[in-house]
Protein backbone atom coordinates (compact mmCIF):
# COMPACT_ATOMS: atom_id res chain seq x y z
CA MET A 1 37.89 2.32 43.62
CA MET A 2 41.66 2.65 43.35
CA PRO A 3 43.83 3.35 46.42
CA THR A 4 44.99 6.83 47.25
CA VAL A 5 48.32 6.19 45.55
CA LEU A 6 46.59 7.21 42.30
CA VAL A 7 46.63 10.89 43.30
CA PRO A 8 49.95 11.64 45.00
CA LEU A 9 50.97 15.09 46.18
CA MET A 10 47.34 16.08 46.72
CA SER A 11 48.22 19.22 48.67
CA GLU A 12 50.41 20.44 45.82
CA LEU A 13 47.68 19.55 43.32
CA LEU A 14 45.13 21.58 45.26
CA ARG A 15 47.48 24.57 45.49
CA TYR A 16 48.03 24.86 41.75
CA GLU A 17 44.36 24.20 40.98
CA LYS A 18 43.35 26.87 43.51
CA LEU A 19 45.66 29.43 41.89
CA ALA A 20 44.40 28.49 38.42
CA ALA A 21 40.78 28.85 39.55
CA GLU A 22 41.45 32.28 41.06
CA LEU A 23 43.13 33.57 37.91
CA GLU A 24 40.34 32.10 35.77
CA GLY A 25 37.83 33.92 37.96
CA MET A 26 39.64 37.21 37.38
CA VAL A 27 39.35 36.65 33.63
CA ALA A 28 35.65 35.79 33.92
CA ASP A 29 35.00 38.90 36.04
CA GLY A 30 36.86 41.18 33.66
CA ALA A 31 39.60 42.04 36.15
CA LEU A 32 41.97 40.53 33.60
CA ARG A 33 41.05 41.30 30.00
CA HIS A 34 42.24 40.15 26.60
CA GLY A 35 45.84 41.20 26.10
CA ASP A 36 46.54 41.84 29.80
CA ARG A 37 49.84 40.48 31.07
CA LEU A 38 49.58 38.21 34.08
CA PRO A 39 51.95 38.70 37.02
CA SER A 40 55.28 37.00 36.41
CA VAL A 41 55.99 33.50 37.66
CA ARG A 42 58.51 34.87 40.14
CA ARG A 43 56.08 37.47 41.46
CA LEU A 44 53.23 34.98 41.86
CA SER A 45 55.61 32.58 43.58
CA GLN A 46 56.74 35.21 46.07
CA GLU A 47 53.38 36.85 46.71
CA ARG A 48 51.39 33.62 47.03
CA ARG A 49 54.18 31.73 48.85
CA LEU A 50 54.11 28.97 46.29
CA SER A 51 56.91 27.09 44.58
CA VAL A 52 57.82 28.15 41.06
CA SER A 53 56.77 24.71 39.77
CA THR A 54 53.32 25.10 41.35
CA VAL A 55 52.83 28.48 39.67
CA VAL A 56 54.00 27.15 36.32
CA GLN A 57 51.63 24.19 36.64
CA ALA A 58 48.71 26.54 37.30
CA LEU A 59 49.58 28.69 34.29
CA ARG A 60 49.96 25.62 32.09
CA GLN A 61 46.51 24.47 33.16
CA LEU A 62 45.05 27.86 32.16
CA GLU A 63 46.93 27.63 28.88
CA SER A 64 45.51 24.17 28.23
CA ARG A 65 42.03 25.64 28.69
CA GLY A 66 42.74 28.31 26.10
CA LEU A 67 42.50 31.17 28.62
CA VAL A 68 46.10 32.40 28.54
CA GLU A 69 49.02 32.17 26.16
CA ALA A 70 52.77 32.25 26.71
CA ARG A 71 54.85 34.69 24.70
CA PRO A 72 58.61 34.10 24.50
CA GLN A 73 60.62 36.38 26.83
CA SER A 74 57.41 38.26 27.71
CA GLY A 75 55.36 36.08 30.06
CA TYR A 76 51.73 34.99 30.09
CA PHE A 77 48.87 37.01 28.60
CA VAL A 78 45.10 36.64 28.57
CA ARG A 79 44.18 35.04 25.28
CA ARG A 80 41.64 36.39 22.82
CA PRO A 81 38.41 34.34 22.96
CA GLY A 82 37.84 32.02 20.01
CA PRO A 83 35.37 33.05 17.31
CA ALA A 84 32.92 30.26 18.14
CA ARG A 85 30.72 30.37 21.22
CA GLY A 86 31.80 27.08 22.69
CA GLU A 87 33.88 23.95 22.44
CA PRO A 88 32.51 20.49 21.68
CA LEU A 89 31.16 18.75 24.78
CA PRO A 90 32.06 15.19 25.83
CA ARG A 91 29.31 12.73 24.95
CA SER A 92 28.13 9.53 26.50
CA THR A 93 29.48 6.47 24.69
CA PRO A 94 28.28 2.86 24.28
CA ASP A 95 28.58 0.74 27.43
CA THR A 96 29.82 -2.32 25.56
CA ALA A 97 32.63 -3.03 23.14
CA VAL A 98 31.71 -3.18 19.46
CA PRO A 99 33.32 -4.61 16.31
CA VAL A 100 35.04 -2.02 14.13
CA ASP A 101 34.05 -1.39 10.51
CA VAL A 102 35.49 1.89 9.22
CA THR A 103 38.21 0.98 6.71
CA GLN A 104 36.30 0.94 3.43
CA ARG A 105 34.49 4.22 4.13
CA LEU A 106 37.69 5.85 5.32
CA VAL A 107 39.70 4.77 2.27
CA ARG A 108 37.09 6.32 -0.03
CA VAL A 109 37.21 9.59 1.92
CA LEU A 110 41.02 9.83 1.96
CA GLN A 111 41.33 8.88 -1.72
CA ALA A 112 38.79 11.52 -2.73
CA GLY A 113 40.59 14.12 -0.61
CA CYS A 114 43.89 13.55 -2.45
CA LYS A 115 42.56 14.14 -5.96
CA PRO A 116 43.90 17.12 -7.95
CA LEU A 117 42.10 20.44 -7.38
CA VAL A 118 40.49 19.22 -4.14
CA ALA A 119 41.20 21.59 -1.24
CA PRO A 120 43.53 19.75 1.21
CA LEU A 121 41.26 19.80 4.26
CA ALA A 122 41.00 16.03 4.84
CA ALA A 123 44.23 14.05 5.36
CA ALA A 124 46.35 15.33 8.26
CA LEU A 125 49.50 16.08 6.27
CA PRO A 126 51.94 18.98 6.68
CA ALA A 127 52.65 21.35 3.84
CA PRO A 128 55.94 20.36 2.11
CA GLN A 129 57.28 23.92 2.37
CA LEU A 130 57.24 23.65 6.16
CA LEU A 131 59.58 20.63 6.17
CA PRO A 132 63.42 20.50 5.93
CA VAL A 133 63.37 18.42 2.76
CA ALA A 134 66.56 19.90 1.24
CA ALA A 135 68.58 19.29 4.40
CA LEU A 136 67.39 15.68 4.55
CA GLN A 137 68.27 15.14 0.88
CA ARG A 138 71.82 16.35 1.53
CA LEU A 139 72.12 14.03 4.51
CA TYR A 140 70.94 11.04 2.48
CA ALA A 141 73.67 11.64 -0.07
CA SER A 142 76.29 12.18 2.61
CA VAL A 143 75.37 9.13 4.69
CA ALA A 144 75.22 6.84 1.65
CA ARG A 145 78.66 8.06 0.54
CA ARG A 146 80.30 7.75 3.96
CA HIS A 147 78.67 4.45 4.94
CA PRO A 148 78.43 2.34 1.75
CA LYS A 149 78.16 -0.92 3.71
CA LEU A 150 74.68 0.10 4.88
CA LEU A 151 73.42 -1.07 1.47
CA GLU A 152 75.16 -4.44 1.65
CA GLY A 153 72.97 -6.32 4.07
CA GLY A 154 70.31 -6.35 6.72
CA SER A 155 69.27 -8.16 9.85
CA HIS A 156 66.07 -9.45 11.37
CA VAL A 157 67.83 -9.67 14.72
CA ASN A 158 69.81 -6.44 15.05
CA MET A 159 67.15 -4.07 13.74
CA ASN A 160 68.19 -0.84 15.47
CA GLU A 161 70.97 1.50 14.39
CA PRO A 162 72.85 2.44 17.60
CA ALA A 163 73.23 6.08 16.48
CA LEU A 164 69.47 6.60 16.27
CA VAL A 165 68.76 4.80 19.54
CA ARG A 166 71.33 7.05 21.23
CA GLN A 167 69.62 10.19 19.91
CA LEU A 168 66.19 8.98 21.02
CA VAL A 169 67.48 8.31 24.52
CA ARG A 170 69.06 11.77 24.64
CA ARG A 171 65.85 13.44 23.47
CA SER A 172 63.80 11.53 26.03
CA LEU A 173 65.47 13.49 28.84
CA ALA A 174 62.92 16.22 28.03
CA TRP A 175 60.06 13.72 28.20
CA GLY A 176 60.43 12.86 31.87
CA GLY A 177 62.83 10.07 30.85
CA PRO A 178 65.32 8.94 29.92
CA LEU A 179 64.10 5.89 28.05
CA ALA A 180 66.12 2.70 28.36
CA SER A 181 68.00 1.95 25.16
CA ASP A 182 67.24 -1.76 25.42
CA GLU A 183 63.46 -1.20 25.38
CA ILE A 184 63.46 0.62 22.01
CA VAL A 185 62.45 -0.99 18.72
CA ILE A 186 62.85 1.10 15.55
CA THR A 187 59.87 0.67 13.23
CA ASN A 188 58.76 1.67 9.74
CA SER A 189 56.27 4.21 11.11
CA CYS A 190 54.26 5.06 14.18
CA THR A 191 51.44 3.06 12.61
CA GLU A 192 53.61 -0.05 12.51
CA ALA A 193 54.69 0.58 16.11
CA LEU A 194 51.06 0.71 17.25
CA GLY A 195 50.21 -2.43 15.29
CA LEU A 196 53.18 -4.34 16.74
CA CYS A 197 52.15 -3.38 20.26
CA LEU A 198 48.58 -4.53 19.68
CA ARG A 199 49.76 -7.84 18.26
CA ALA A 200 52.07 -8.32 21.25
CA VAL A 201 49.37 -7.94 23.93
CA THR A 202 46.05 -8.94 22.32
CA LYS A 203 44.41 -11.76 20.41
CA PRO A 204 41.41 -11.64 18.05
CA GLY A 205 38.20 -10.94 19.90
CA ASP A 206 39.85 -8.98 22.72
CA THR A 207 38.55 -5.58 23.80
CA VAL A 208 40.67 -2.44 23.53
CA ALA A 209 39.67 0.84 25.20
CA VAL A 210 39.97 3.85 22.89
CA GLU A 211 39.25 7.57 23.04
CA SER A 212 35.93 8.79 21.68
CA PRO A 213 36.30 10.53 19.33
CA GLY A 214 39.54 8.73 18.53
CA TYR A 215 41.99 8.56 15.66
CA TYR A 216 40.49 6.58 12.79
CA LEU A 217 43.77 4.82 11.96
CA MET A 218 43.71 3.21 15.39
CA LEU A 219 40.21 1.97 14.67
CA GLN A 220 41.51 0.55 11.38
CA LEU A 221 44.20 -1.36 13.26
CA LEU A 222 41.62 -2.83 15.60
CA GLU A 223 39.49 -3.83 12.63
CA THR A 224 42.30 -5.59 10.78
CA LEU A 225 43.35 -7.47 13.94
CA GLY A 226 39.83 -8.60 14.76
CA LEU A 227 39.67 -6.59 18.00
CA ARG A 228 36.67 -4.88 19.59
CA ALA A 229 36.63 -1.20 20.55
CA LEU A 230 35.29 0.13 23.84
CA GLU A 231 34.82 3.89 23.46
CA ILE A 232 35.71 6.00 26.48
CA PRO A 233 34.36 9.59 26.70
CA THR A 234 37.06 12.14 25.94
CA ASP A 235 37.14 15.79 26.99
CA PRO A 236 38.11 18.35 24.30
CA ARG A 237 40.72 19.84 26.64
CA HIS A 238 41.79 17.15 29.08
CA GLY A 239 41.61 14.00 27.00
CA LEU A 240 40.34 10.55 27.95
CA SER A 241 38.16 10.41 31.07
CA VAL A 242 40.11 8.45 33.67
CA GLU A 243 36.95 8.20 35.78
CA ALA A 244 35.00 6.61 32.93
CA PHE A 245 37.89 4.26 32.19
CA GLU A 246 38.06 3.24 35.86
CA LEU A 247 34.38 2.31 35.80
CA ALA A 248 34.64 0.50 32.47
CA SER A 249 37.63 -1.59 33.59
CA ARG A 250 36.41 -2.35 37.13
CA HIS A 251 35.28 -5.88 36.26
CA GLY A 252 38.06 -6.78 33.82
CA GLY A 253 37.64 -7.69 30.18
CA ILE A 254 39.91 -4.98 28.70
CA ALA A 255 43.20 -6.18 27.21
CA ALA A 256 44.71 -2.82 26.28
CA CYS A 257 44.15 0.93 26.27
CA LEU A 258 45.11 2.83 23.10
CA LEU A 259 45.22 6.63 23.09
CA VAL A 260 46.92 9.89 22.03
CA PRO A 261 47.41 11.84 25.28
CA ASN A 262 49.36 14.79 23.84
CA ALA A 263 47.63 16.93 21.18
CA SER A 264 45.19 14.14 20.48
CA ASN A 265 43.81 13.49 17.03
CA PRO A 266 41.15 14.79 16.39
CA LEU A 267 40.55 17.02 19.45
CA GLY A 268 44.04 18.44 20.03
CA SER A 269 43.66 17.94 23.80
CA VAL A 270 46.55 17.42 26.23
CA MET A 271 45.91 15.19 29.22
CA PRO A 272 47.08 16.89 32.46
CA ASP A 273 49.99 15.27 34.30
CA ASP A 274 47.91 14.18 37.26
CA ARG A 275 45.54 12.28 34.96
CA LYS A 276 48.46 10.70 33.11
CA ARG A 277 49.84 9.53 36.45
CA GLN A 278 46.46 8.11 37.45
CA LEU A 279 46.01 6.26 34.16
CA ALA A 280 49.52 4.78 34.30
CA ALA A 281 48.90 3.47 37.82
CA LEU A 282 45.37 2.26 37.06
CA THR A 283 46.26 0.27 33.96
CA ALA A 284 49.28 -1.29 35.68
CA ALA A 285 47.22 -2.30 38.72
CA ARG A 286 44.54 -3.91 36.56
CA GLY A 287 46.88 -5.65 34.12
CA ILE A 288 45.81 -3.56 31.11
CA ALA A 289 48.59 -2.80 28.63
CA LEU A 290 48.76 0.91 27.81
CA ILE A 291 49.76 1.92 24.28
CA GLU A 292 50.28 5.65 23.74
CA ASP A 293 50.84 7.47 20.47
CA ASP A 294 53.01 10.54 21.15
CA ILE A 295 53.46 11.60 17.53
CA TYR A 296 52.28 15.15 18.27
CA GLY A 297 54.20 15.59 21.52
CA ASP A 298 56.90 17.74 19.89
CA LEU A 299 54.24 19.90 18.23
CA HIS A 300 52.80 21.40 21.42
CA PHE A 301 51.74 25.05 21.56
CA GLY A 302 52.65 25.63 25.22
CA PRO A 303 56.00 26.76 26.62
CA GLN A 304 57.06 23.25 27.66
CA ARG A 305 56.82 19.89 25.95
CA PRO A 306 54.10 17.83 27.66
CA TRP A 307 55.37 14.60 29.14
CA PRO A 308 54.04 11.32 27.80
CA ILE A 309 52.27 8.86 30.08
CA LYS A 310 55.49 6.84 29.83
CA ALA A 311 57.10 9.38 32.18
CA PHE A 312 54.79 8.17 34.96
CA ASP A 313 55.24 4.44 34.28
CA THR A 314 56.90 2.59 37.16
CA THR A 315 56.21 -0.99 36.04
CA GLY A 316 57.12 -1.10 32.33
CA ASN A 317 53.45 -1.36 31.39
CA VAL A 318 53.37 1.64 29.02
CA MET A 319 54.43 1.32 25.38
CA LEU A 320 55.39 4.71 23.94
CA CYS A 321 55.03 4.96 20.14
CA SER A 322 55.99 7.84 17.89
CA SER A 323 57.59 8.87 14.61
CA PHE A 324 58.89 11.92 12.77
CA SER A 325 56.30 11.96 9.98
CA LYS A 326 54.52 15.04 11.33
CA SER A 327 57.65 17.02 12.21
CA LEU A 328 60.20 16.13 9.50
CA SER A 329 58.64 14.23 6.60
CA PRO A 330 55.88 11.65 6.11
CA SER A 331 58.17 9.93 3.59
CA LEU A 332 60.86 9.04 6.15
CA ARG A 333 58.74 6.12 7.42
CA ILE A 334 60.74 5.95 10.64
CA GLY A 335 59.05 5.38 13.96
CA PHE A 336 59.85 3.68 17.22
CA VAL A 337 58.35 2.10 20.30
CA ALA A 338 59.77 2.15 23.82
CA ALA A 339 58.04 -1.06 24.79
CA GLY A 340 58.95 -1.49 28.45
CA ARG A 341 58.40 -5.05 29.69
CA TYR A 342 56.77 -5.98 26.37
CA ARG A 343 59.95 -5.32 24.39
CA SER A 344 60.70 -8.96 23.56
CA ALA A 345 57.15 -9.59 22.35
CA VAL A 346 57.15 -6.43 20.23
CA ALA A 347 60.56 -7.23 18.74
CA LEU A 348 59.34 -10.72 17.83
CA GLN A 349 56.33 -9.26 16.02
CA LYS A 350 58.64 -6.85 14.19
CA THR A 351 60.92 -9.73 13.16
CA ILE A 352 58.15 -11.84 11.66
CA THR A 353 56.21 -9.00 9.97
CA SER A 354 58.74 -6.62 8.40
CA GLY A 355 62.24 -7.29 9.71
CA GLY A 356 64.72 -4.46 9.98
CA THR A 357 63.97 -0.80 9.23
CA ASN A 358 65.97 1.03 6.56
CA PRO A 359 69.46 1.57 8.09
CA ILE A 360 70.33 4.51 5.83
CA THR A 361 67.25 6.43 6.90
CA GLN A 362 67.95 5.58 10.53
CA ASN A 363 71.42 7.11 10.25
CA VAL A 364 70.13 10.14 8.33
CA LEU A 365 67.63 10.80 11.08
CA ALA A 366 70.25 10.26 13.78
CA GLU A 367 72.56 12.88 12.25
CA TYR A 368 69.76 15.39 11.84
CA LEU A 369 68.64 14.92 15.45
CA GLU A 370 72.21 15.33 16.65
CA SER A 371 72.51 18.74 15.02
CA THR A 372 71.01 21.93 16.40
CA ALA A 373 68.94 22.23 13.21
CA PHE A 374 66.15 19.99 14.51
CA GLU A 375 65.32 22.14 17.54
CA ARG A 376 65.38 25.31 15.43
CA HIS A 377 63.09 23.64 12.92
CA LEU A 378 60.70 22.50 15.65
CA ARG A 379 60.39 26.01 17.06
CA ARG A 380 59.49 27.39 13.63
CA LEU A 381 57.12 24.51 12.93
CA ARG A 382 55.25 24.86 16.21
CA ARG A 383 54.71 28.57 15.57
CA ALA A 384 53.50 27.86 12.03
CA TYR A 385 51.07 25.14 13.11
CA GLU A 386 49.67 27.25 15.94
CA GLN A 387 49.11 30.19 13.58
CA GLN A 388 47.50 27.93 10.98
CA VAL A 389 45.17 26.34 13.51
CA GLU A 390 44.10 29.75 14.82
CA ALA A 391 43.56 31.01 11.27
CA MET A 392 41.39 27.98 10.50
CA ARG A 393 39.38 28.49 13.70
CA ALA A 394 38.79 32.11 12.75
CA ALA A 395 37.74 31.14 9.22
CA VAL A 396 35.29 28.52 10.50
CA GLY A 397 33.90 31.13 12.88
CA ARG A 398 33.32 33.48 9.95
CA HIS A 399 31.80 31.06 7.48
CA PHE A 400 30.12 28.16 9.33
CA PRO A 401 26.68 28.28 11.02
CA SER A 402 26.59 30.44 14.14
CA ALA A 403 25.83 27.48 16.46
CA THR A 404 29.01 25.68 15.39
CA ARG A 405 31.39 24.59 18.13
CA MET A 406 35.05 23.77 17.65
CA SER A 407 38.04 22.52 19.59
CA GLN A 408 40.89 24.67 20.90
CA PRO A 409 43.87 22.47 20.01
CA GLN A 410 46.87 22.57 22.32
CA GLY A 411 49.16 21.15 19.67
CA GLY A 412 49.26 19.43 16.28
CA TYR A 413 47.41 20.74 13.26
CA VAL A 414 43.88 19.38 13.09
CA LEU A 415 40.61 21.04 14.08
CA TRP A 416 37.48 19.24 15.33
CA VAL A 417 34.25 20.98 14.33
CA GLU A 418 30.82 20.22 15.80
CA LEU A 419 27.95 21.41 13.63
CA PRO A 420 24.39 22.02 14.85
CA ASP A 421 22.66 18.74 15.77
CA ASP A 422 20.36 18.74 12.76
CA LEU A 423 23.23 18.63 10.25
CA ASP A 424 24.78 15.38 9.01
CA ALA A 425 28.45 15.78 8.05
CA THR A 426 28.50 12.34 6.43
CA ARG A 427 25.63 13.22 4.08
CA LEU A 428 27.06 16.68 3.39
CA TYR A 429 30.40 15.14 2.44
CA GLU A 430 29.12 14.06 -0.97
CA CYS A 431 27.99 17.63 -1.68
CA ALA A 432 31.37 18.98 -0.55
CA ILE A 433 33.37 16.62 -2.76
CA GLY A 434 31.23 17.71 -5.67
CA GLU A 435 32.59 21.22 -5.00
CA ASN A 436 36.21 19.94 -4.75
CA LEU A 437 36.15 20.29 -0.96
CA ALA A 438 37.23 17.54 1.41
CA TYR A 439 37.13 16.81 5.12
CA VAL A 440 36.88 13.72 7.30
CA PRO A 441 33.34 13.07 8.61
CA GLY A 442 33.13 12.70 12.36
CA GLU A 443 31.54 9.23 12.33
CA LEU A 444 34.88 7.79 11.15
CA PHE A 445 36.38 8.69 14.53
CA SER A 446 33.95 6.37 16.32
CA ALA A 447 33.62 2.59 16.17
CA SER A 448 29.89 2.93 16.86
CA GLY A 449 29.27 5.64 14.26
CA MET A 450 28.80 8.58 16.63
CA TYR A 451 29.56 12.24 15.78
CA ARG A 452 27.61 12.40 12.51
CA ASN A 453 27.25 16.17 12.99
CA CYS A 454 31.02 16.58 13.38
CA LEU A 455 33.99 16.80 11.04
CA ARG A 456 37.77 17.17 11.17
CA LEU A 457 39.74 19.73 9.19
CA ASN A 458 43.45 19.59 8.32
CA CYS A 459 45.36 22.76 9.29
CA GLY A 460 48.74 21.58 8.01
CA ASN A 461 48.87 24.15 5.21
CA PRO A 462 49.45 27.92 5.43
CA HIS A 463 46.17 29.84 5.50
CA THR A 464 46.34 31.45 2.07
CA PRO A 465 43.52 33.36 0.35
CA GLU A 466 42.79 30.11 -1.52
CA MET A 467 42.42 28.27 1.80
CA GLU A 468 40.13 30.99 3.14
CA ASP A 469 37.99 30.66 0.01
CA ALA A 470 37.83 26.87 0.47
CA VAL A 471 36.52 27.29 4.02
CA ARG A 472 34.03 29.90 2.79
CA ARG A 473 32.73 27.54 0.11
CA LEU A 474 32.57 24.66 2.59
CA GLY A 475 30.58 26.84 4.95
CA ARG A 476 28.15 27.60 2.14
CA VAL A 477 27.70 23.86 1.47
CA ILE A 478 27.09 23.20 5.16
CA ARG A 479 24.65 26.09 5.61
CA GLY A 480 22.74 24.82 2.58
CA GLY A 481 22.44 21.40 4.24
């Protein structure tokens, strides 16, 4: 077992958990009903003799459980229950690492989902009308005109544009930072950032701990690098089980841990701060490199941006990867990694695989981040994604079998759906594609092929009547299965 340093401030932790449990009990007993406004943060702080931060932490925990919601300038309110009767439950996972073999099946699914007339329920892509495409086009023209020398050369040594690094450091103040400018490597995407980190800390045949269910692209990376996946049970609300990871890593043999702690894909869970702190300390103590994908961190539904695990890193062991493909445009192909003590190894991998990242795009992104437009855009985008996710949950509740369970995402724009045990989402997929309906079967989120009765839906598009009809038709296919 790990020393007590893994759970600091235990008295404060117990205070906020106690308050959260009491408020949750009032909701369960009916003392607080749907739509009721909770006492204000200031009032709870004064009446319970707690610090404001403790009260806020308790309310955020209730929000992460889907019990309350924050409304701007209004406070916290009891949230309407979801249309389904329950959320997916964590499952036991294989005890040993397994080779990964998902790429060919996944490519067929994603290619079929992109065909004309197929309802866009598969690939996790945002609707173009939600993105500031026109503003970015103007910036491209302006930057190219004002900085013509950006087209004249390139470098495999000086790969970062200082303007973009400066903006990333400034933004990281809200992430429990700031990041150190000299640990940042600008990449061609978050995918490239993750791949560079894996190359820097593993060799073929090594074992990497992953969430289960976990993002299929991460499994693809493991497959292409000849790595083995050890699936760790993951809670639909609180993310990867630190307790299960502690047991799995007790006797060594794990080279790295790869996860999405904020608005995970596919569950939409947000790991609580105390668990992030524990995982950062545990991996550092056991010499396990921690690679986190924070691509959905800015797309949270709560009142405050959740901190990445990097915020709790005291040894440089955490590599924070992200990009702007989900918030600005998938076509930008700009990501980054704050690589901590692995920076030199990551930069070397970047040098020998792809060299420098487009300097014009780096400067375009830097100027957009520097303006106030980005924060305004993020506020609108978060509201849109939250509304679209809730609309999709409601539609699934109306049209899917009554025993269906589904996640309550705390950010991002994907929905994890668990069908009754006797249904096979992989087999039903062929029937759905025949009806011009697409989704990603759940087995592709598991190296061992688990979750065959599950599927993931994309909620990146506004919930139009056409989208409602697509969910209705998909429900008919599933009920017929």
